Amino acid sequence: MLFVFDGVICDLFAGVDTSAIADDIRARLPAPSPPLSLLTGVAFHVTTDPLWMVTYAHQVSASHGDEAEDILRAAETAAVMTAVPVPGVRQVLLACQASGRRVAVVGGRYSATIESYLDRHELRQLVGPVIGRRHHRPSSTSMGAALVRQARRALAMNPAECTVVGASVQAMMVAADIGTQAIGVAGLRESRKHMANVDGSVVVSSLPHLADALATVPIGGDISTSPM
């Protein structure tokens, strides 16, 4: 099972003013100029998304990109100290362990951030591979899909044998695109209705409900038949 870190394990930047992180990066960068598009110029001045700023920094120069990465990495490290685990996460990981299901954690945060968070909350021993980002350089491929594929390979499992557990429609769509099953946890970020609209996905109301289902449904069984 492939658990998406941000949203299912925790909400790393909950309560953090991420616009301040974006501002810190922006202050160290030159403003866009032609031939960059007008849209890029507007986004540079108004975005509050640190990830957008890091990606833009890499487009400016390698040194600007590395500096932006360092700022974001420091912010993630600080957030590890305050982010609270999603209710039921330990219960569901223990249910996976008890039922013989192998677990990987995958996410768009730096790998070291995810490892540090799991260690801090004594969850590391309950999971196997941890797959996160090494950098936020621009890419023509879907980073989310690439990370999930990497996590699947780390477990040495075929797509049909894997299940992505996510808290967003995007996670459900990534799973569908690469041919894995998907379980959406409703109410954390997305509504049950939105997540259920993704073909092939199963939606649960909470992680404790998922833990109960994993305890009663054998590996390879249909979790959708369990009350959730």
Protein backbone atom coordinates (compact mmCIF):
# COMPACT_ATOMS: atom_id res chain seq x y z
CA MET A 1 0.00 0.00 0.00
CA LEU A 2 1.29 3.42 -0.97
CA PHE A 3 0.31 6.11 1.54
CA VAL A 4 0.50 9.72 0.35
CA PHE A 5 2.37 11.63 3.04
CA ASP A 6 0.76 15.06 2.84
CA GLY A 7 -2.93 14.71 3.62
CA VAL A 8 -3.00 11.10 4.83
CA ILE A 9 -0.07 10.98 7.26
CA CYS A 10 -0.18 14.68 8.17
CA ASP A 11 -0.82 18.14 6.77
CA LEU A 12 2.75 19.39 7.02
CA PHE A 13 2.11 23.11 6.64
CA ALA A 14 -1.13 23.30 8.62
CA GLY A 15 -1.05 26.57 10.53
CA VAL A 16 2.06 27.74 8.68
CA ASP A 17 2.00 30.96 6.68
CA THR A 18 3.33 29.52 3.43
CA SER A 19 3.06 32.92 1.75
CA ALA A 20 5.95 34.04 3.96
CA ILE A 21 8.07 31.21 2.54
CA ALA A 22 7.17 32.29 -0.98
CA ASP A 23 8.00 35.91 -0.10
CA ASP A 24 11.40 34.90 1.26
CA ILE A 25 12.25 33.15 -2.01
CA ARG A 26 10.80 35.98 -4.14
CA ALA A 27 12.97 38.57 -2.38
CA ARG A 28 16.10 36.80 -3.62
CA LEU A 29 15.04 36.57 -7.27
CA PRO A 30 14.96 38.98 -10.21
CA ALA A 31 11.49 39.74 -11.55
CA PRO A 32 10.56 38.04 -14.84
CA SER A 33 11.29 39.88 -18.07
CA PRO A 34 10.73 39.03 -21.75
CA PRO A 35 10.73 36.47 -23.31
CA LEU A 36 8.88 35.04 -20.28
CA SER A 37 5.11 35.33 -20.60
CA LEU A 38 2.95 38.02 -19.03
CA LEU A 39 1.18 35.28 -17.06
CA THR A 40 4.50 34.21 -15.52
CA GLY A 41 5.21 37.81 -14.60
CA VAL A 42 1.86 38.20 -12.86
CA ALA A 43 2.22 34.88 -11.06
CA PHE A 44 5.68 35.86 -9.82
CA HIS A 45 4.29 38.94 -8.07
CA VAL A 46 1.10 37.45 -6.62
CA THR A 47 1.65 33.76 -5.92
CA THR A 48 1.74 32.53 -2.34
CA ASP A 49 2.89 29.04 -3.39
CA PRO A 50 6.49 28.26 -2.36
CA LEU A 51 6.68 25.37 -4.84
CA TRP A 52 5.90 27.71 -7.74
CA MET A 53 8.63 30.05 -6.56
CA VAL A 54 11.17 27.22 -6.30
CA THR A 55 10.36 26.02 -9.80
CA TYR A 56 10.70 29.56 -11.14
CA ALA A 57 14.01 29.99 -9.30
CA HIS A 58 15.42 27.00 -11.15
CA GLN A 59 14.43 28.66 -14.42
CA VAL A 60 16.42 31.75 -13.44
CA SER A 61 19.64 29.88 -12.68
CA ALA A 62 20.99 26.79 -10.96
CA SER A 63 22.32 28.85 -8.04
CA HIS A 64 19.00 30.64 -7.53
CA GLY A 65 17.23 27.28 -7.67
CA ASP A 66 19.54 25.76 -5.08
CA GLU A 67 19.05 28.74 -2.76
CA ALA A 68 15.27 28.48 -3.09
CA GLU A 69 15.45 24.74 -2.36
CA ASP A 70 17.40 25.48 0.81
CA ILE A 71 14.73 27.93 1.98
CA LEU A 72 11.92 25.45 1.34
CA ARG A 73 13.87 22.60 2.93
CA ALA A 74 14.41 24.66 6.09
CA ALA A 75 10.69 25.51 6.22
CA GLU A 76 9.75 21.85 5.91
CA THR A 77 12.22 20.90 8.64
CA ALA A 78 10.67 23.49 10.96
CA ALA A 79 7.15 22.30 10.13
CA VAL A 80 8.04 18.75 11.17
CA MET A 81 8.14 20.00 14.77
CA THR A 82 4.54 21.25 14.75
CA ALA A 83 2.52 19.18 12.25
CA VAL A 84 0.09 16.79 13.92
CA PRO A 85 -0.53 13.26 12.55
CA VAL A 86 -3.91 12.64 10.95
CA PRO A 87 -6.20 10.84 13.44
CA GLY A 88 -6.01 7.08 12.94
CA VAL A 89 -2.73 6.99 11.02
CA ARG A 90 -0.97 4.77 13.55
CA GLN A 91 -4.03 2.51 13.70
CA VAL A 92 -4.13 2.03 9.95
CA LEU A 93 -0.39 1.40 9.68
CA LEU A 94 -0.63 -1.20 12.46
CA ALA A 95 -3.55 -2.81 10.61
CA CYS A 96 -1.37 -3.05 7.49
CA GLN A 97 1.41 -4.62 9.50
CA ALA A 98 -0.91 -7.11 11.21
CA SER A 99 -2.51 -8.17 7.93
CA GLY A 100 0.79 -8.61 6.12
CA ARG A 101 0.41 -5.61 3.81
CA ARG A 102 3.66 -3.91 2.87
CA VAL A 103 3.63 -0.12 3.11
CA ALA A 104 5.52 2.66 1.38
CA VAL A 105 5.08 6.36 2.05
CA VAL A 106 5.27 8.66 -0.95
CA GLY A 107 4.94 12.42 -1.17
CA GLY A 108 5.88 15.70 -2.74
CA ARG A 109 7.98 16.75 0.26
CA TYR A 110 11.70 16.17 0.52
CA SER A 111 12.55 12.58 1.45
CA ALA A 112 14.48 13.77 4.51
CA THR A 113 11.41 15.70 5.68
CA ILE A 114 9.20 12.62 5.48
CA GLU A 115 11.79 10.43 7.21
CA SER A 116 12.22 12.98 9.99
CA TYR A 117 8.48 13.28 10.53
CA LEU A 118 7.95 9.53 10.71
CA ASP A 119 10.85 9.18 13.16
CA ARG A 120 9.56 12.00 15.36
CA HIS A 121 6.16 10.35 15.72
CA GLU A 122 7.54 6.79 16.02
CA LEU A 123 5.92 5.68 12.78
CA ARG A 124 9.06 4.86 10.82
CA GLN A 125 9.18 1.24 11.96
CA LEU A 126 5.66 0.69 10.60
CA VAL A 127 6.53 1.54 7.00
CA GLY A 128 9.01 0.37 4.40
CA PRO A 129 10.34 2.56 1.60
CA VAL A 130 9.98 6.33 1.87
CA ILE A 131 9.88 8.07 -1.49
CA GLY A 132 9.95 11.86 -1.65
CA ARG A 133 11.43 14.56 -3.80
CA ARG A 134 15.13 15.23 -4.15
CA HIS A 135 14.48 18.59 -5.78
CA HIS A 136 11.74 20.71 -7.36
CA ARG A 137 13.30 21.33 -10.76
CA PRO A 138 10.90 21.77 -13.70
CA SER A 139 9.99 18.49 -15.39
CA SER A 140 7.96 17.51 -18.43
CA THR A 141 6.64 14.46 -16.60
CA SER A 142 4.17 14.24 -13.74
CA MET A 143 6.28 14.21 -10.58
CA GLY A 144 3.41 12.68 -8.61
CA ALA A 145 3.13 9.76 -11.00
CA ALA A 146 6.91 9.33 -11.09
CA LEU A 147 7.11 9.15 -7.30
CA VAL A 148 4.27 6.62 -7.09
CA ARG A 149 5.93 4.46 -9.74
CA GLN A 150 9.20 4.64 -7.82
CA ALA A 151 7.44 3.61 -4.60
CA ARG A 152 5.76 0.69 -6.36
CA ARG A 153 9.10 -0.50 -7.73
CA ALA A 154 10.64 -0.18 -4.26
CA LEU A 155 8.03 -2.65 -3.02
CA ALA A 156 8.72 -4.88 -6.05
CA MET A 157 5.02 -5.02 -6.86
CA ASN A 158 3.02 -4.83 -10.08
CA PRO A 159 0.58 -1.91 -10.54
CA ALA A 160 -2.42 -4.20 -10.07
CA GLU A 161 -1.04 -5.35 -6.70
CA CYS A 162 -0.70 -1.82 -5.31
CA THR A 163 -3.17 0.57 -3.75
CA VAL A 164 -2.62 4.30 -3.39
CA VAL A 165 -4.17 5.79 -0.24
CA GLY A 166 -4.67 9.51 -0.76
CA ALA A 167 -6.67 12.48 0.45
CA SER A 168 -7.14 14.31 -2.84
CA VAL A 169 -8.72 13.84 -6.23
CA GLN A 170 -5.27 14.39 -7.72
CA ALA A 171 -3.91 11.34 -5.87
CA MET A 172 -6.83 9.28 -7.13
CA MET A 173 -6.18 10.39 -10.69
CA VAL A 174 -2.47 9.59 -10.47
CA ALA A 175 -3.34 6.09 -9.30
CA ALA A 176 -5.77 5.64 -12.18
CA ASP A 177 -3.22 6.91 -14.70
CA ILE A 178 -0.58 4.37 -13.71
CA GLY A 179 -2.96 1.46 -13.29
CA THR A 180 -3.07 1.06 -9.51
CA GLN A 181 -6.09 0.89 -7.24
CA ALA A 182 -6.96 3.93 -5.15
CA ILE A 183 -8.52 4.50 -1.75
CA GLY A 184 -9.54 8.05 -0.97
CA VAL A 185 -9.92 9.27 2.60
CA ALA A 186 -12.81 11.72 2.52
CA GLY A 187 -13.07 14.83 4.62
CA LEU A 188 -9.35 15.51 5.01
CA ARG A 189 -9.06 17.62 1.86
CA GLU A 190 -11.77 16.55 -0.55
CA SER A 191 -15.41 15.51 -0.26
CA ARG A 192 -16.51 11.92 -0.74
CA LYS A 193 -18.54 12.98 -3.78
CA HIS A 194 -15.55 14.44 -5.63
CA MET A 195 -13.27 11.52 -4.86
CA ALA A 196 -15.88 8.92 -5.80
CA ASN A 197 -16.08 10.43 -9.28
CA VAL A 198 -12.66 9.00 -10.15
CA ASP A 199 -13.10 5.64 -11.88
CA GLY A 200 -11.89 2.63 -9.92
CA SER A 201 -11.53 4.44 -6.60
CA VAL A 202 -12.90 3.42 -3.22
CA VAL A 203 -13.67 6.14 -0.67
CA VAL A 204 -13.56 5.73 3.11
CA SER A 205 -14.79 8.21 5.69
CA SER A 206 -11.69 8.09 7.92
CA LEU A 207 -8.44 6.25 8.55
CA PRO A 208 -9.93 4.29 11.50
CA HIS A 209 -12.63 3.00 9.15
CA LEU A 210 -9.93 1.96 6.69
CA ALA A 211 -8.04 0.22 9.49
CA ASP A 212 -11.17 -1.76 10.38
CA ALA A 213 -11.60 -2.79 6.75
CA LEU A 214 -7.97 -3.89 6.42
CA ALA A 215 -8.37 -6.03 9.53
CA THR A 216 -11.28 -7.95 8.01
CA VAL A 217 -10.51 -8.04 4.28
CA PRO A 218 -7.67 -10.35 3.19
CA ILE A 219 -4.88 -9.18 0.91
CA GLY A 220 -6.25 -9.05 -2.61
CA GLY A 221 -9.83 -8.85 -1.31
CA ASP A 222 -12.33 -6.18 -2.27
CA ILE A 223 -12.22 -3.46 0.37
CA SER A 224 -15.22 -1.75 -1.20
CA THR A 225 -17.44 -4.53 0.17
CA SER A 226 -16.47 -3.67 3.75
CA PRO A 227 -18.63 -1.12 5.64
CA MET A 228 -16.76 2.20 5.60
